[in-house]
Amino acid sequence: MSKQHTIVDCACGARYERRQVQLPIKDIGCFDCDDCGARLEIWWGRAVPAFKRIAREKNAARRA
């Protein structure tokens, strides 16, 4: 299994790094945005996603 990471953007502007993880047993689950609660992914199987929040840049977070 490759260690490829992808970026997932929510409509609210939150960004997540997504990678694939192989489990020994099947799993059913979903991932919702931490900010707005939007459903970003649903899965079933042994290959499941793992999400990590990407911090916003300081310039993008602060506006005058």
Protein backbone atom coordinates (compact mmCIF):
# COMPACT_ATOMS: atom_id res chain seq x y z
CA MET A 1 0.00 0.00 0.00
CA SER A 2 1.38 3.40 -0.97
CA LYS A 3 1.85 6.19 1.54
CA GLN A 4 0.18 8.71 -0.76
CA HIS A 5 -1.54 11.64 0.91
CA THR A 6 -4.26 13.75 -0.68
CA ILE A 7 -5.87 17.02 0.38
CA VAL A 8 -9.61 17.14 1.00
CA ASP A 9 -11.32 20.55 1.08
CA CYS A 10 -14.67 21.08 2.79
CA ALA A 11 -17.12 23.66 1.41
CA CYS A 12 -16.66 25.69 4.63
CA GLY A 13 -12.92 26.14 3.93
CA ALA A 14 -11.51 23.53 6.31
CA ARG A 15 -8.71 21.39 4.82
CA TYR A 16 -7.69 17.86 5.73
CA GLU A 17 -4.81 15.60 4.78
CA ARG A 18 -6.18 12.16 3.85
CA ARG A 19 -4.21 8.93 3.75
CA GLN A 20 -5.25 5.31 3.31
CA VAL A 21 -4.81 2.83 6.19
CA GLN A 22 -5.10 -0.97 5.90
CA LEU A 23 -6.91 -2.64 8.82
CA PRO A 24 -6.84 -6.35 9.76
CA ILE A 25 -10.67 -6.44 9.84
CA LYS A 26 -13.44 -4.64 7.96
CA ASP A 27 -14.64 -1.31 9.33
CA ILE A 28 -17.71 0.81 8.65
CA GLY A 29 -17.48 4.50 9.33
CA CYS A 30 -17.72 8.07 8.19
CA PHE A 31 -15.84 11.34 8.60
CA ASP A 32 -17.51 14.70 9.23
CA CYS A 33 -15.90 18.15 9.07
CA ASP A 34 -14.84 19.41 12.51
CA ASP A 35 -16.00 22.96 11.69
CA CYS A 36 -19.39 22.61 9.98
CA GLY A 37 -20.31 18.94 10.42
CA ALA A 38 -20.59 18.22 6.68
CA ARG A 39 -20.13 14.56 5.77
CA LEU A 40 -16.90 14.26 3.77
CA GLU A 41 -16.59 10.49 3.36
CA ILE A 42 -18.24 7.16 4.17
CA TRP A 43 -16.38 3.83 4.03
CA TRP A 44 -16.78 0.10 4.42
CA GLY A 45 -13.92 -2.38 4.19
CA ARG A 46 -10.34 -2.98 5.28
CA ALA A 47 -8.81 -0.02 3.44
CA VAL A 48 -10.06 3.03 5.33
CA PRO A 49 -9.14 6.72 5.28
CA ALA A 50 -7.37 8.59 8.07
CA PHE A 51 -7.84 12.36 8.24
CA LYS A 52 -5.64 15.04 9.81
CA ARG A 53 -6.64 18.72 9.99
CA ILE A 54 -4.34 21.11 8.17
CA ALA A 55 -3.77 24.39 10.00
CA ARG A 56 -4.69 27.54 8.10
CA GLU A 57 -1.91 29.92 7.18
CA LYS A 58 -1.66 32.96 9.46
CA ASN A 59 -2.13 35.39 6.55
CA ALA A 60 -5.31 33.63 5.41
CA ALA A 61 -6.73 33.44 8.94
CA ARG A 62 -6.19 37.14 9.73
CA ARG A 63 -7.78 39.81 7.60
CA ALA A 64 -7.66 43.54 8.25
